[in-house]
Amino acid sequence: MVDNIEQRVIDLVTRHSGAYVFRKKKYDTYTAESNIHFDVRLDIDDTEELMDEFFTEFNVERGDFNLKKYYPDVPFSWNPFKKHLVDVPNFTIRMLIESAKAGRWLYD
């Protein structure tokens, strides 16, 4: 069963996902395991807005939260065949839910 905080966090993420195409939600539902970067597909600017609202709405202390950890810079290359692999840590809705319950950011 989904508790109130979990559903409120999921609703917040859904609102920030820009979710309407032809009057149908682009993504019908997210779960706590949904990855904000890969499943919700928010870019760094949208995620920054999401997190600002998250910290305010749920009264969560930011602590050492740094968005660049989850959206690292990727070196630019003019060579289309040269790929830069960047290790991106998990950034899931569950992390927001657990931090909202604790009242502080738990993951940095």
Protein backbone atom coordinates (compact mmCIF):
# COMPACT_ATOMS: atom_id res chain seq x y z
CA MET A 1 0.00 0.00 0.00
CA VAL A 2 1.26 3.47 -0.89
CA ASP A 3 1.41 5.86 2.07
CA ASN A 4 0.52 9.55 1.93
CA ILE A 5 4.10 10.89 1.69
CA GLU A 6 5.00 8.38 -1.02
CA GLN A 7 1.96 9.34 -3.11
CA ARG A 8 2.59 13.07 -2.63
CA VAL A 9 6.21 12.69 -3.81
CA ILE A 10 5.13 10.64 -6.83
CA ASP A 11 2.49 13.27 -7.64
CA LEU A 12 5.12 16.03 -7.41
CA VAL A 13 7.45 14.19 -9.79
CA THR A 14 4.56 13.52 -12.18
CA ARG A 15 3.65 17.22 -12.26
CA HIS A 16 7.23 18.08 -13.20
CA SER A 17 7.42 15.46 -15.93
CA GLY A 18 5.55 17.66 -18.44
CA ALA A 19 3.27 14.74 -18.97
CA TYR A 20 0.69 15.52 -21.63
CA VAL A 21 0.75 14.57 -25.30
CA PHE A 22 -2.59 14.62 -27.15
CA ARG A 23 -4.43 14.80 -23.80
CA LYS A 24 -2.92 11.51 -22.65
CA LYS A 25 -0.27 11.28 -19.99
CA LYS A 26 3.10 10.53 -21.47
CA TYR A 27 3.84 8.31 -18.48
CA ASP A 28 0.80 6.88 -16.76
CA THR A 29 2.42 6.06 -13.45
CA TYR A 30 5.73 6.24 -11.74
CA THR A 31 6.76 4.06 -8.85
CA ALA A 32 9.20 4.58 -6.03
CA GLU A 33 11.77 2.64 -8.07
CA SER A 34 11.49 4.98 -11.09
CA ASN A 35 14.76 6.71 -11.90
CA ILE A 36 14.37 10.47 -12.26
CA HIS A 37 17.04 10.74 -14.93
CA PHE A 38 16.27 7.65 -17.03
CA ASP A 39 12.58 6.79 -16.40
CA VAL A 40 11.05 10.20 -15.76
CA ARG A 41 13.56 11.71 -18.21
CA LEU A 42 13.94 15.10 -16.58
CA ASP A 43 16.84 17.26 -17.70
CA ILE A 44 18.99 19.11 -15.18
CA ASP A 45 16.94 22.34 -15.31
CA ASP A 46 13.63 20.54 -14.73
CA THR A 47 15.18 18.45 -11.98
CA GLU A 48 16.52 21.57 -10.29
CA GLU A 49 12.99 23.02 -10.21
CA LEU A 50 11.62 19.70 -8.94
CA MET A 51 14.17 19.51 -6.14
CA ASP A 52 13.66 23.15 -5.08
CA GLU A 53 9.93 22.48 -4.78
CA PHE A 54 10.56 19.13 -3.09
CA PHE A 55 12.79 20.65 -0.36
CA THR A 56 10.25 23.41 0.28
CA GLU A 57 7.03 21.39 0.11
CA PHE A 58 8.26 18.54 2.31
CA ASN A 59 10.38 20.74 4.59
CA VAL A 60 13.50 18.65 3.90
CA GLU A 61 16.95 19.96 4.86
CA ARG A 62 19.20 20.05 1.77
CA GLY A 63 22.32 18.99 3.64
CA ASP A 64 25.04 18.18 1.09
CA PHE A 65 22.64 17.66 -1.83
CA ASN A 66 24.42 18.47 -5.10
CA LEU A 67 22.52 18.01 -8.35
CA LYS A 68 25.78 17.74 -10.31
CA LYS A 69 26.37 14.38 -8.63
CA TYR A 70 23.33 12.98 -10.48
CA TYR A 71 23.82 15.05 -13.65
CA PRO A 72 27.60 15.14 -14.17
CA ASP A 73 29.16 17.16 -16.97
CA VAL A 74 29.86 15.14 -20.10
CA PRO A 75 32.97 16.24 -22.02
CA PHE A 76 32.14 17.57 -25.49
CA SER A 77 33.83 16.06 -28.52
CA TRP A 78 33.61 17.02 -32.17
CA ASN A 79 34.34 13.39 -33.02
CA PRO A 80 30.96 11.58 -33.30
CA PHE A 81 32.71 8.21 -32.89
CA LYS A 82 34.34 9.07 -29.58
CA LYS A 83 31.97 8.26 -26.76
CA HIS A 84 32.52 9.47 -23.22
CA LEU A 85 31.10 7.07 -20.68
CA VAL A 86 29.97 8.78 -17.52
CA ASP A 87 29.00 6.87 -14.40
CA VAL A 88 25.67 8.27 -13.21
CA PRO A 89 24.56 7.19 -9.72
CA ASN A 90 20.99 6.09 -9.06
CA PHE A 91 18.58 8.96 -8.49
CA THR A 92 15.19 7.42 -7.75
CA ILE A 93 11.87 8.61 -6.45
CA ARG A 94 12.46 6.30 -3.46
CA MET A 95 15.37 8.54 -2.46
CA LEU A 96 13.01 11.52 -2.32
CA ILE A 97 10.40 9.54 -0.37
CA GLU A 98 12.88 8.34 2.26
CA SER A 99 14.36 11.83 2.61
CA ALA A 100 10.88 13.35 2.98
CA LYS A 101 10.12 10.90 5.78
CA ALA A 102 13.44 11.67 7.50
CA GLY A 103 13.18 15.45 7.03
CA ARG A 104 16.70 15.70 5.56
CA TRP A 105 18.53 14.61 2.40
CA LEU A 106 19.95 11.17 3.17
CA TYR A 107 22.11 10.39 0.15
CA ASP A 108 25.16 12.67 0.00
